[in-house]
Amino acid sequence: MRETNQALIRALTTQFQSGNNNFRSPAEYVNIKRPITAENFFVSQGKLPNIISIEIDEDIETTAKSFTIVCSNEDGQLSPDYKEGKFGERRLNYQIPLSSSWRNVLVPDTELEISLGYGDNLLKMLIGSIDEVSISADGRTITINGRSNYKKAQVNTCMPKSKKYLIDDVDMNVGVAIKKFLDHVNIPNDIEPNIKEPFTGMSYKVGEKMGIRGEYPHDHIGNMAFTTYYALIESSNGKVKTKKLPDFKKLGKAVVTFDDYIDLTEADYSMDNNEVFDTITVVSKAKEFEIVNGKRKKVTRTIKNRFTSAKIRSDILQGKRRELIIESSWANTPKKQFNTAKALFTKMVMGWKRLSIGVPAYLPLELLDVVSVRERITQVTKCMYVRGIRTSYSGTGLTQVIELADNTRFDLDIVLPPTPPSDMPEFSTTESRLIINIFDFKIEDGDRMNIYLNGRKIVNNLFVRNKGTDIKIDLEKGANVIKFVGISAGKLQKLTASFKVAGGSGNIIYPAGKLPSLNMPRENIASESTGRYITSKRPVRNWVIHRV
């Protein structure tokens, strides 16, 4: 909930909408900042005159708020292209045409602030800029449409200065990456810097480089926030912050109670399961480089996992089955795909039962706040989440239509894909990092393989040598799957590799010779001289290691 004063909180009564006292009258203040195109606007900022109505829309689906302002424009003086003598015949002394200080002020990208309230008690609602201006000659009005501060991430592109990617550290936490994108386009923010995976408590890493020149920051920001089970909410001061999506297992304390008999001017309840699915398949296509016939070639690797909620199927879809297939380049591991599915399921649950209520404007309210609604006949009070707010100011009053999500207390029973069986001896460790030395204990004959950790490639085309190669493995809490994919069995017999395992500090866990060797047969060979496997039939071996 936004910070405010007691006068505005007490304004949540219908008397404030109809009272003649100036203290109770709805009020507005739109502050326009001088754009560089303005020629006759001799102050740095000024109040927009002749306002007829203001409407502000915000919802959890879109970080940027939108607004529409309608002003009276009888003499055309608010028009960006105002020209002396063009609109009407009004004159001052000695028939001198009227000039306008508002010429070229209300143009796209002009910055403004919108404040609403009652009497002298105003609350800043939005900081943003103009998208579009339209003029009605018949109605003699001017309509201004625009978006809030987050618009900068939607219309400005990435422009890295000294490198190809704005985010070039694949181990960067997504919170830090989101903040870096927002800072890049000058959006103030309060982003959680250490977003953690809800099921492991581990740092949520971006996993790939992103933000090349010409890309829009919003495309990456929205994707990351969405798959990490967070929503991005823009405050009334233009600052973007992270806010967790509800899990529907428990409900926070309501910040305000709306009484059906006293406060509600309208109430519409709806149920719609047309956009609800019980199965979500998440597909990620990652581009990688492989050595094919001795040449480096770019290939596309597909990671696909299917997640199902029996609870949604039985309680919402009446036993029917529906599947939604989405592509997400960023959700390139099973756990990230799990989070993507969980966020989608949650938003479906938040949307299928909706209550829209009309009330005198309670301006401190924010998205994802918890409110309670008291029904007049039974006096039953029900708590719900705020998923959308439309605030309207006009001559008839200052009101809001609030869209609420029914808290159905669902336990989304989706699970991660099962851990594959381990081809090497499973073991458990408290270490967060392992150093695995991989070596060929026999003749060094050209054995090669790719290595993946939890679905992400960490080593490409490793040459298994006698002297060995150290591979650093950062373990997540729970099961970790190291996948070895054979590329070449070398010139002699099969692909073999031996291991020595140490902790992050160098302490030996398994010395050389303690673990069995990894073996891949010499089958499906494309070239006998090199031992290279047919790409589509490469052998795979898994090693499951548990961090406790």
Protein backbone atom coordinates (compact mmCIF):
# COMPACT_ATOMS: atom_id res chain seq x y z
CA MET A 1 0.00 0.00 0.00
CA ARG A 2 1.25 3.48 -0.86
CA GLU A 3 2.20 5.85 1.94
CA THR A 4 -0.42 8.53 2.50
CA ASN A 5 -2.05 10.67 5.19
CA GLN A 6 -5.12 10.15 7.35
CA ALA A 7 -7.16 12.73 5.45
CA LEU A 8 -7.03 10.64 2.28
CA ILE A 9 -7.76 7.43 4.18
CA ARG A 10 -10.86 9.04 5.73
CA ALA A 11 -11.93 10.07 2.23
CA LEU A 12 -13.17 6.54 1.53
CA THR A 13 -16.81 7.54 1.94
CA THR A 14 -19.44 8.58 -0.56
CA GLN A 15 -19.86 11.89 1.29
CA PHE A 16 -16.49 13.00 -0.03
CA GLN A 17 -17.78 12.58 -3.58
CA SER A 18 -20.86 14.76 -3.16
CA GLY A 19 -19.97 17.30 -0.48
CA ASN A 20 -19.88 21.00 -1.31
CA ASN A 21 -17.01 21.63 1.06
CA ASN A 22 -13.79 22.21 -0.89
CA PHE A 23 -11.97 19.90 1.50
CA ARG A 24 -14.19 17.07 0.29
CA SER A 25 -14.24 17.87 -3.42
CA PRO A 26 -12.25 15.55 -5.71
CA ALA A 27 -9.16 17.31 -7.02
CA GLU A 28 -6.40 16.79 -9.58
CA TYR A 29 -3.03 18.26 -10.44
CA VAL A 30 -1.19 17.35 -13.65
CA ASN A 31 2.30 18.80 -13.67
CA ILE A 32 3.83 19.17 -17.14
CA LYS A 33 7.61 19.43 -17.55
CA ARG A 34 8.89 21.74 -20.26
CA PRO A 35 10.05 19.80 -23.35
CA ILE A 36 12.92 21.07 -25.48
CA THR A 37 10.49 21.73 -28.36
CA ALA A 38 8.55 24.37 -26.38
CA GLU A 39 9.26 27.89 -27.60
CA ASN A 40 6.96 30.01 -25.42
CA PHE A 41 6.85 27.87 -22.25
CA PHE A 42 9.10 30.02 -20.09
CA VAL A 43 8.96 27.92 -16.89
CA SER A 44 10.50 24.53 -16.14
CA GLN A 45 7.10 23.02 -15.31
CA GLY A 46 3.47 24.04 -15.11
CA LYS A 47 -0.06 22.87 -14.26
CA LEU A 48 -2.13 21.50 -17.13
CA PRO A 49 -5.35 23.58 -17.37
CA ASN A 50 -8.92 22.80 -18.46
CA ILE A 51 -8.93 19.13 -17.40
CA ILE A 52 -12.25 17.37 -17.98
CA SER A 53 -11.31 13.81 -17.01
CA ILE A 54 -8.37 11.55 -16.10
CA GLU A 55 -8.22 7.76 -16.25
CA ILE A 56 -5.32 5.57 -15.04
CA ASP A 57 -5.13 1.81 -15.69
CA GLU A 58 -2.76 -0.66 -14.02
CA ASP A 59 -2.69 -4.45 -13.74
CA ILE A 60 -0.31 -7.26 -12.81
CA GLU A 61 0.13 -8.33 -16.44
CA THR A 62 1.84 -5.09 -17.48
CA THR A 63 4.40 -3.14 -15.46
CA ALA A 64 3.74 0.16 -17.25
CA LYS A 65 0.58 1.99 -16.21
CA SER A 66 -1.44 3.73 -18.92
CA PHE A 67 -3.33 7.01 -18.68
CA THR A 68 -5.78 9.13 -20.65
CA ILE A 69 -6.35 12.84 -19.98
CA VAL A 70 -9.10 14.83 -21.72
CA CYS A 71 -8.93 18.64 -21.65
CA SER A 72 -11.18 21.37 -22.97
CA ASN A 73 -9.52 23.07 -25.94
CA GLU A 74 -12.02 25.75 -26.93
CA ASP A 75 -9.49 28.16 -28.45
CA GLY A 76 -7.04 25.50 -29.56
CA GLN A 77 -4.34 26.93 -27.34
CA LEU A 78 -3.34 23.51 -25.98
CA SER A 79 -2.79 22.17 -29.50
CA PRO A 80 0.86 21.36 -30.26
CA ASP A 81 0.61 23.08 -33.66
CA TYR A 82 -1.26 26.15 -32.39
CA LYS A 83 -0.80 29.13 -34.66
CA GLU A 84 -1.89 32.67 -33.94
CA GLY A 85 -5.12 33.40 -35.78
CA LYS A 86 -5.66 29.78 -36.81
CA PHE A 87 -8.34 28.91 -34.26
CA GLY A 88 -11.18 31.40 -33.97
CA GLU A 89 -11.34 35.20 -34.01
CA ARG A 90 -10.75 36.12 -30.38
CA ARG A 91 -8.53 39.17 -29.99
CA LEU A 92 -7.07 41.28 -27.24
CA ASN A 93 -6.64 45.07 -27.39
CA TYR A 94 -6.08 46.50 -30.86
CA GLN A 95 -7.05 43.20 -32.51
CA ILE A 96 -3.74 41.49 -31.62
CA PRO A 97 -4.05 37.67 -32.12
CA LEU A 98 -3.75 35.56 -28.97
CA SER A 99 -0.49 33.65 -28.56
CA SER A 100 -0.15 30.39 -26.61
CA SER A 101 2.58 29.30 -24.23
CA TRP A 102 1.40 25.68 -24.75
CA ARG A 103 2.51 25.48 -28.38
CA ASN A 104 4.71 22.35 -28.87
CA VAL A 105 4.35 21.37 -25.20
CA LEU A 106 1.85 18.50 -25.33
CA VAL A 107 3.87 16.34 -27.71
CA PRO A 108 5.06 12.69 -27.52
CA ASP A 109 7.66 12.04 -24.79
CA THR A 110 6.78 15.16 -22.79
CA GLU A 111 7.15 14.16 -19.13
CA LEU A 112 4.37 14.69 -16.60
CA GLU A 113 3.17 13.81 -13.11
CA ILE A 114 -0.44 13.04 -12.19
CA SER A 115 -1.72 13.62 -8.64
CA LEU A 116 -5.26 12.96 -7.42
CA GLY A 117 -7.06 13.43 -4.14
CA TYR A 118 -9.60 15.52 -2.26
CA GLY A 119 -9.26 19.26 -1.71
CA ASP A 120 -5.64 20.06 -0.85
CA ASN A 121 -4.84 16.45 0.04
CA LEU A 122 -3.32 15.03 -3.12
CA LEU A 123 -1.42 11.79 -3.70
CA LYS A 124 0.98 11.35 -6.59
CA MET A 125 -0.38 8.52 -8.75
CA LEU A 126 1.98 8.34 -11.69
CA ILE A 127 5.14 9.68 -13.30
CA GLY A 128 5.28 9.14 -17.03
CA SER A 129 5.30 10.64 -20.50
CA ILE A 130 2.99 11.25 -23.44
CA ASP A 131 2.56 8.66 -26.20
CA GLU A 132 -0.08 10.25 -28.38
CA VAL A 133 -2.09 13.47 -28.64
CA SER A 134 -5.36 13.72 -30.58
CA ILE A 135 -7.52 16.80 -31.13
CA SER A 136 -11.28 16.81 -31.67
CA ALA A 137 -12.42 19.79 -33.70
CA ASP A 138 -16.09 19.00 -33.13
CA GLY A 139 -15.86 18.45 -29.40
CA ARG A 140 -13.17 21.10 -28.98
CA THR A 141 -11.17 18.81 -26.75
CA ILE A 142 -7.65 17.43 -26.69
CA THR A 143 -6.98 13.84 -25.57
CA ILE A 144 -3.58 12.85 -24.18
CA ASN A 145 -2.58 9.17 -23.96
CA GLY A 146 0.60 7.90 -22.37
CA ARG A 147 2.39 5.46 -20.12
CA SER A 148 4.23 5.56 -16.83
CA ASN A 149 8.00 5.61 -16.30
CA TYR A 150 8.50 1.92 -17.20
CA LYS A 151 7.74 2.92 -20.79
CA LYS A 152 11.47 3.65 -21.12
CA ALA A 153 12.20 -0.09 -20.98
CA GLN A 154 9.62 -0.74 -23.71
CA VAL A 155 10.67 1.88 -26.27
CA ASN A 156 14.41 2.42 -25.66
CA THR A 157 16.88 -0.17 -26.92
CA CYS A 158 20.01 -1.67 -25.39
CA MET A 159 23.22 0.12 -26.32
CA PRO A 160 26.21 -1.62 -24.69
CA LYS A 161 29.24 0.65 -24.82
CA SER A 162 32.30 -1.57 -24.80
CA LYS A 163 31.01 -5.11 -25.25
CA LYS A 164 28.49 -7.09 -27.27
CA TYR A 165 26.14 -7.97 -24.40
CA LEU A 166 24.78 -5.74 -21.65
CA ILE A 167 24.59 -8.87 -19.44
CA ASP A 168 27.68 -10.95 -20.18
CA ASP A 169 27.99 -12.88 -16.90
CA VAL A 170 25.92 -16.08 -17.10
CA ASP A 171 26.24 -16.55 -13.32
CA MET A 172 24.70 -13.14 -12.54
CA ASN A 173 21.62 -13.26 -10.29
CA VAL A 174 18.46 -12.35 -12.21
CA GLY A 175 17.69 -9.59 -9.69
CA VAL A 176 21.01 -7.91 -10.47
CA ALA A 177 20.40 -8.40 -14.21
CA ILE A 178 16.92 -6.81 -14.05
CA LYS A 179 18.37 -3.89 -12.11
CA LYS A 180 21.13 -3.47 -14.69
CA PHE A 181 18.59 -3.33 -17.53
CA LEU A 182 16.49 -0.76 -15.63
CA ASP A 183 19.54 1.35 -14.78
CA HIS A 184 20.56 1.24 -18.44
CA VAL A 185 17.38 3.12 -19.43
CA ASN A 186 17.39 5.37 -16.32
CA ILE A 187 14.43 3.84 -14.48
CA PRO A 188 14.74 4.15 -10.67
CA ASN A 189 14.21 0.79 -9.03
CA ASP A 190 14.21 -1.24 -5.86
CA ILE A 191 14.87 -4.76 -7.15
CA GLU A 192 15.61 -7.70 -4.86
CA PRO A 193 19.33 -8.30 -5.63
CA ASN A 194 19.41 -11.96 -4.61
CA ILE A 195 16.35 -13.69 -6.03
CA LYS A 196 16.39 -17.34 -4.99
CA GLU A 197 14.86 -20.44 -6.47
CA PRO A 198 11.82 -21.29 -4.31
CA PHE A 199 12.51 -25.02 -4.27
CA THR A 200 16.28 -24.99 -3.56
CA GLY A 201 17.03 -21.60 -2.01
CA MET A 202 19.91 -21.26 -4.48
CA SER A 203 20.74 -18.05 -6.32
CA TYR A 204 18.65 -17.73 -9.48
CA LYS A 205 21.21 -17.24 -12.27
CA VAL A 206 20.51 -15.80 -15.72
CA GLY A 207 22.23 -18.73 -17.42
CA GLU A 208 22.88 -16.91 -20.70
CA LYS A 209 24.24 -13.68 -22.14
CA MET A 210 21.65 -11.11 -23.19
CA GLY A 211 21.05 -7.50 -24.14
CA ILE A 212 22.70 -6.97 -27.51
CA ARG A 213 22.43 -3.65 -29.33
CA GLY A 214 18.93 -3.03 -30.66
CA GLU A 215 17.07 -5.32 -28.24
CA TYR A 216 14.41 -3.91 -25.91
CA PRO A 217 15.18 -4.29 -22.17
CA HIS A 218 11.52 -5.11 -21.46
CA ASP A 219 11.72 -8.31 -23.52
CA HIS A 220 14.38 -9.71 -21.18
CA ILE A 221 13.09 -8.10 -17.97
CA GLY A 222 9.57 -9.45 -18.43
CA ASN A 223 10.83 -12.93 -19.28
CA MET A 224 13.11 -13.11 -16.24
CA ALA A 225 10.57 -11.70 -13.78
CA PHE A 226 7.88 -14.00 -15.13
CA THR A 227 9.91 -17.20 -14.78
CA THR A 228 11.14 -16.30 -11.29
CA TYR A 229 7.63 -16.09 -9.81
CA TYR A 230 7.85 -12.34 -9.21
CA ALA A 231 5.80 -9.43 -10.53
CA LEU A 232 7.28 -6.03 -11.29
CA ILE A 233 5.19 -3.22 -9.82
CA GLU A 234 5.78 0.46 -10.54
CA SER A 235 5.18 2.79 -7.61
CA SER A 236 3.53 6.19 -7.86
CA ASN A 237 7.00 7.78 -7.82
CA GLY A 238 8.06 5.91 -10.94
CA LYS A 239 10.22 3.38 -9.08
CA VAL A 240 9.98 -0.26 -10.21
CA LYS A 241 10.08 -2.90 -7.47
CA THR A 242 9.76 -6.67 -7.23
CA LYS A 243 6.74 -8.22 -5.53
CA LYS A 244 6.16 -11.95 -5.10
CA LEU A 245 3.13 -13.55 -6.68
CA PRO A 246 0.73 -15.10 -4.13
CA ASP A 247 0.97 -18.84 -3.60
CA PHE A 248 -2.69 -19.28 -2.53
CA LYS A 249 -1.69 -21.30 0.52
CA LYS A 250 -2.00 -18.45 2.96
CA LEU A 251 -3.39 -14.94 2.76
CA GLY A 252 -1.89 -11.75 4.14
CA LYS A 253 -3.73 -9.25 6.29
CA ALA A 254 -6.21 -7.03 4.44
CA VAL A 255 -5.15 -3.39 4.12
CA VAL A 256 -8.74 -2.15 3.76
CA THR A 257 -12.31 -3.47 4.01
CA PHE A 258 -14.97 -2.47 1.48
CA ASP A 259 -18.51 -2.71 2.83
CA ASP A 260 -21.12 -3.71 0.27
CA TYR A 261 -23.77 -1.51 1.90
CA ILE A 262 -21.61 1.60 2.45
CA ASP A 263 -18.82 1.67 -0.14
CA LEU A 264 -19.70 -0.36 -3.23
CA THR A 265 -21.30 1.43 -6.17
CA GLU A 266 -21.12 -1.67 -8.39
CA ALA A 267 -20.06 -5.30 -8.13
CA ASP A 268 -19.65 -7.85 -10.93
CA TYR A 269 -18.62 -11.44 -10.28
CA SER A 270 -17.43 -13.62 -13.16
CA MET A 271 -16.07 -17.13 -13.70
CA ASP A 272 -14.29 -17.99 -16.96
CA ASN A 273 -12.06 -21.03 -17.51
CA ASN A 274 -11.48 -20.53 -21.25
CA GLU A 275 -7.87 -19.49 -20.61
CA VAL A 276 -7.16 -22.15 -17.97
CA PHE A 277 -5.04 -25.22 -18.80
CA ASP A 278 -4.18 -28.25 -16.71
CA THR A 279 -0.99 -29.02 -18.65
CA ILE A 280 1.79 -26.63 -19.65
CA THR A 281 4.68 -27.68 -21.88
CA VAL A 282 7.68 -25.35 -21.76
CA VAL A 283 10.06 -25.48 -24.72
CA SER A 284 13.48 -23.85 -24.83
CA LYS A 285 15.68 -23.80 -27.91
CA ALA A 286 19.33 -23.05 -27.20
CA LYS A 287 21.90 -22.43 -29.93
CA GLU A 288 25.25 -24.14 -29.39
CA PHE A 289 28.40 -24.88 -31.36
CA GLU A 290 29.36 -28.44 -32.21
CA ILE A 291 32.24 -29.95 -34.18
CA VAL A 292 30.70 -31.71 -37.19
CA ASN A 293 33.03 -33.41 -39.70
CA GLY A 294 35.91 -31.39 -38.34
CA LYS A 295 34.08 -28.07 -38.74
CA ARG A 296 32.57 -25.81 -36.10
CA LYS A 297 28.81 -25.65 -36.71
CA LYS A 298 25.96 -23.90 -34.91
CA VAL A 299 23.19 -26.30 -33.86
CA THR A 300 19.92 -25.87 -31.97
CA ARG A 301 19.27 -27.97 -28.87
CA THR A 302 15.68 -28.30 -27.62
CA ILE A 303 14.79 -28.70 -23.94
CA LYS A 304 11.15 -29.62 -23.37
CA ASN A 305 9.29 -30.48 -20.17
CA ARG A 306 5.60 -31.00 -19.46
CA PHE A 307 3.94 -29.97 -16.18
CA THR A 308 0.45 -30.97 -15.07
CA SER A 309 -1.90 -29.88 -12.27
CA ALA A 310 -4.47 -32.51 -11.33
CA LYS A 311 -6.08 -29.97 -8.99
CA ILE A 312 -6.85 -27.57 -11.83
CA ARG A 313 -8.11 -30.43 -14.01
CA SER A 314 -10.53 -31.73 -11.37
CA ASP A 315 -11.70 -28.50 -9.69
CA ILE A 316 -11.72 -25.99 -12.55
CA LEU A 317 -11.88 -27.97 -15.81
CA GLN A 318 -14.31 -30.63 -14.56
CA GLY A 319 -11.95 -33.42 -15.60
CA LYS A 320 -11.23 -32.07 -19.08
CA ARG A 321 -7.66 -31.91 -20.42
CA ARG A 322 -6.11 -28.84 -22.02
CA GLU A 323 -2.48 -28.23 -22.90
CA LEU A 324 -0.66 -24.94 -23.39
CA ILE A 325 2.69 -25.01 -25.22
CA ILE A 326 4.96 -22.01 -24.77
CA GLU A 327 8.50 -21.23 -25.89
CA SER A 328 10.91 -19.50 -23.54
CA SER A 329 14.53 -19.12 -24.62
CA TRP A 330 15.53 -18.04 -21.13
CA ALA A 331 13.96 -20.98 -19.25
CA ASN A 332 16.73 -23.29 -20.40
CA THR A 333 16.84 -25.71 -17.46
CA PRO A 334 14.13 -28.00 -16.04
CA LYS A 335 13.92 -25.95 -12.84
CA LYS A 336 13.50 -22.66 -14.70
CA GLN A 337 10.82 -24.31 -16.80
CA PHE A 338 9.16 -25.48 -13.58
CA ASN A 339 9.05 -21.88 -12.34
CA THR A 340 7.65 -20.71 -15.67
CA ALA A 341 4.84 -23.28 -15.47
CA LYS A 342 4.14 -22.46 -11.82
CA ALA A 343 3.86 -18.73 -12.57
CA LEU A 344 1.50 -19.43 -15.47
CA PHE A 345 -0.68 -21.75 -13.39
CA THR A 346 -0.84 -19.12 -10.63
CA LYS A 347 -1.95 -16.38 -13.02
CA MET A 348 -4.59 -18.72 -14.43
CA VAL A 349 -5.94 -19.37 -10.93
CA MET A 350 -5.89 -15.63 -10.21
CA GLY A 351 -7.91 -14.93 -13.34
CA TRP A 352 -10.61 -17.54 -13.56
CA LYS A 353 -12.69 -16.15 -10.66
CA ARG A 354 -12.89 -12.37 -10.67
CA LEU A 355 -14.80 -9.78 -8.71
CA SER A 356 -14.85 -6.22 -10.04
CA ILE A 357 -16.07 -3.61 -7.58
CA GLY A 358 -16.70 0.11 -8.00
CA VAL A 359 -15.81 2.25 -4.98
CA PRO A 360 -14.97 5.83 -4.04
CA ALA A 361 -11.27 6.02 -4.84
CA TYR A 362 -9.02 4.51 -2.17
CA LEU A 363 -5.84 6.00 -3.60
CA PRO A 364 -3.21 4.28 -1.41
CA LEU A 365 -4.15 0.85 -2.83
CA GLU A 366 -1.50 -1.02 -4.86
CA LEU A 367 -1.45 -4.13 -7.03
CA LEU A 368 -1.29 -7.47 -5.16
CA ASP A 369 -2.49 -5.83 -1.94
CA VAL A 370 -5.01 -7.91 0.00
CA VAL A 371 -8.45 -6.36 0.53
CA SER A 372 -11.61 -7.70 2.14
CA VAL A 373 -15.15 -7.26 0.87
CA ARG A 374 -18.10 -7.53 3.28
CA GLU A 375 -21.36 -8.77 1.73
CA ARG A 376 -24.36 -6.83 3.04
CA ILE A 377 -26.88 -9.67 3.52
CA THR A 378 -24.82 -12.46 5.06
CA GLN A 379 -22.17 -10.10 6.49
CA VAL A 380 -19.55 -12.59 5.28
CA THR A 381 -16.14 -10.98 4.68
CA LYS A 382 -13.99 -12.43 1.90
CA CYS A 383 -10.33 -11.57 1.31
CA MET A 384 -8.97 -11.19 -2.22
CA TYR A 385 -5.88 -10.01 -4.10
CA VAL A 386 -5.87 -6.82 -6.19
CA ARG A 387 -4.97 -7.70 -9.79
CA GLY A 388 -6.09 -4.50 -11.53
CA ILE A 389 -7.09 -0.90 -10.73
CA ARG A 390 -8.79 1.70 -12.92
CA THR A 391 -8.83 5.13 -11.29
CA SER A 392 -11.15 7.75 -12.82
CA TYR A 393 -11.48 11.48 -12.15
CA SER A 394 -14.22 13.61 -13.69
CA GLY A 395 -16.93 16.06 -12.79
CA THR A 396 -18.96 13.21 -11.30
CA GLY A 397 -16.30 12.29 -8.75
CA LEU A 398 -13.13 10.33 -8.04
CA THR A 399 -13.76 6.59 -8.26
CA GLN A 400 -12.02 3.28 -8.82
CA VAL A 401 -12.97 -0.01 -10.41
CA ILE A 402 -10.87 -2.67 -8.67
CA GLU A 403 -10.44 -6.13 -10.16
CA LEU A 404 -9.97 -8.74 -7.46
CA ALA A 405 -8.74 -12.33 -7.66
CA ASP A 406 -10.60 -14.90 -5.61
CA ASN A 407 -8.25 -16.64 -3.19
CA THR A 408 -9.25 -20.23 -3.91
CA ARG A 409 -6.40 -21.61 -1.77
CA PHE A 410 -5.08 -23.90 -4.47
CA ASP A 411 -2.10 -26.10 -3.81
CA LEU A 412 -0.61 -26.30 -7.29
CA ASP A 413 0.41 -29.92 -7.40
CA ILE A 414 2.96 -29.65 -10.18
CA VAL A 415 6.26 -31.43 -9.74
CA LEU A 416 9.68 -31.29 -11.32
CA PRO A 417 10.53 -33.92 -13.95
CA PRO A 418 11.92 -37.05 -12.25
CA THR A 419 15.68 -37.31 -11.79
CA PRO A 420 17.10 -39.77 -14.36
CA PRO A 421 18.82 -42.95 -13.12
CA SER A 422 22.52 -42.51 -12.42
CA ASP A 423 25.08 -44.43 -14.50
CA MET A 424 27.78 -43.56 -11.97
CA PRO A 425 27.60 -44.16 -8.20
CA GLU A 426 25.32 -41.55 -6.59
CA PHE A 427 26.63 -39.77 -3.50
CA SER A 428 25.66 -36.92 -1.18
CA THR A 429 27.80 -33.99 -0.07
CA THR A 430 27.49 -30.76 1.90
CA GLU A 431 29.91 -29.03 -0.48
CA SER A 432 28.47 -26.23 -2.65
CA ARG A 433 31.25 -26.67 -5.22
CA LEU A 434 33.09 -29.74 -6.48
CA ILE A 435 36.23 -29.95 -8.59
CA ILE A 436 36.11 -33.05 -10.79
CA ASN A 437 39.31 -34.05 -12.55
CA ILE A 438 38.54 -36.00 -15.74
CA PHE A 439 41.38 -38.02 -17.27
CA ASP A 440 42.16 -40.93 -19.61
CA PHE A 441 43.93 -43.65 -17.63
CA LYS A 442 44.93 -45.58 -20.78
CA ILE A 443 46.13 -44.43 -24.19
CA GLU A 444 45.25 -40.86 -25.10
CA ASP A 445 43.48 -41.52 -28.42
CA GLY A 446 41.11 -38.59 -28.98
CA ASP A 447 38.08 -39.32 -26.75
CA ARG A 448 35.83 -36.24 -26.64
CA MET A 449 32.53 -35.32 -24.95
CA ASN A 450 30.21 -32.48 -23.95
CA ILE A 451 29.25 -32.01 -20.29
CA TYR A 452 25.94 -30.60 -19.01
CA LEU A 453 24.96 -29.63 -15.46
CA ASN A 454 21.22 -29.61 -14.68
CA GLY A 455 20.39 -29.19 -18.36
CA ARG A 456 22.94 -26.42 -19.10
CA LYS A 457 26.10 -27.07 -21.09
CA ILE A 458 29.19 -26.25 -19.03
CA VAL A 459 31.95 -27.86 -21.12
CA ASN A 460 32.04 -28.11 -24.90
CA ASN A 461 34.06 -30.73 -26.78
CA LEU A 462 36.28 -31.83 -23.87
CA PHE A 463 39.41 -33.73 -24.98
CA VAL A 464 39.97 -36.50 -22.39
CA ARG A 465 43.73 -36.37 -21.76
CA ASN A 466 46.10 -38.40 -19.60
CA LYS A 467 47.06 -35.39 -17.48
CA GLY A 468 43.41 -34.63 -16.76
CA THR A 469 41.21 -31.53 -16.84
CA ASP A 470 39.63 -29.89 -13.77
CA ILE A 471 35.92 -29.08 -14.10
CA LYS A 472 34.24 -26.85 -11.49
CA ILE A 473 30.72 -27.98 -10.58
CA ASP A 474 28.49 -25.56 -8.61
CA LEU A 475 25.86 -27.71 -6.90
CA GLU A 476 22.28 -26.71 -6.19
CA LYS A 477 20.53 -28.02 -3.10
CA GLY A 478 18.92 -31.36 -3.86
CA ALA A 479 19.63 -33.57 -6.86
CA ASN A 480 22.15 -32.40 -9.46
CA VAL A 481 22.48 -34.21 -12.78
CA ILE A 482 25.79 -34.18 -14.65
CA LYS A 483 25.21 -35.44 -18.19
CA PHE A 484 28.08 -36.67 -20.37
CA VAL A 485 27.36 -36.76 -24.12
CA GLY A 486 29.88 -38.61 -26.25
CA ILE A 487 31.28 -36.84 -29.33
CA SER A 488 34.11 -39.16 -30.29
CA ALA A 489 35.34 -42.58 -29.13
CA GLY A 490 38.80 -41.78 -30.49
CA LYS A 491 40.92 -43.99 -32.68
CA LEU A 492 40.92 -47.01 -30.37
CA GLN A 493 37.97 -48.99 -29.03
CA LYS A 494 35.45 -47.14 -26.81
CA LEU A 495 35.20 -43.74 -25.09
CA THR A 496 36.56 -43.99 -21.54
CA ALA A 497 37.09 -41.46 -18.75
CA SER A 498 38.18 -41.68 -15.12
CA PHE A 499 37.46 -39.29 -12.26
CA LYS A 500 38.98 -37.75 -9.16
CA VAL A 501 36.59 -35.67 -7.01
CA ALA A 502 37.58 -32.92 -4.57
CA GLY A 503 35.66 -30.32 -2.59
CA GLY A 504 35.81 -26.62 -3.35
CA SER A 505 38.59 -26.13 -0.79
CA GLY A 506 40.68 -28.97 -2.29
CA ASN A 507 39.78 -31.75 0.17
CA ILE A 508 39.73 -35.11 -1.59
CA ILE A 509 36.34 -36.85 -1.66
CA TYR A 510 37.14 -39.63 -4.14
CA PRO A 511 40.81 -40.20 -5.09
CA ALA A 512 41.82 -41.51 -8.51
CA GLY A 513 40.84 -45.16 -8.96
CA LYS A 514 38.15 -45.12 -6.27
CA LEU A 515 35.27 -44.55 -8.71
CA PRO A 516 34.47 -46.80 -11.68
CA SER A 517 35.37 -45.45 -15.12
CA LEU A 518 32.83 -43.97 -17.51
CA ASN A 519 32.43 -46.13 -20.62
CA MET A 520 30.62 -45.44 -23.89
CA PRO A 521 30.59 -48.15 -26.60
CA ARG A 522 32.04 -47.71 -30.07
CA GLU A 523 28.65 -47.81 -31.83
CA ASN A 524 26.88 -45.55 -34.34
CA ILE A 525 30.22 -44.20 -35.56
CA ALA A 526 30.16 -41.71 -38.43
CA SER A 527 33.93 -41.85 -39.08
CA GLU A 528 36.10 -44.83 -38.10
CA SER A 529 39.30 -42.84 -38.50
CA THR A 530 38.28 -40.31 -35.84
CA GLY A 531 35.72 -42.35 -33.89
CA ARG A 532 33.18 -39.52 -34.16
CA TYR A 533 29.61 -40.54 -33.27
CA ILE A 534 26.62 -39.85 -35.51
CA THR A 535 25.22 -36.59 -34.10
CA SER A 536 21.66 -37.87 -33.62
CA LYS A 537 22.86 -41.09 -31.94
CA ARG A 538 25.45 -39.87 -29.47
CA PRO A 539 25.65 -41.95 -26.28
CA VAL A 540 24.61 -40.34 -22.99
CA ARG A 541 25.61 -41.13 -19.40
CA ASN A 542 24.23 -39.45 -16.25
CA TRP A 543 25.79 -38.91 -12.85
CA VAL A 544 23.48 -37.82 -10.00
CA ILE A 545 25.06 -35.97 -7.06
CA HIS A 546 23.00 -34.74 -4.10
CA ARG A 547 23.80 -31.61 -2.14
CA VAL A 548 22.41 -31.75 1.41
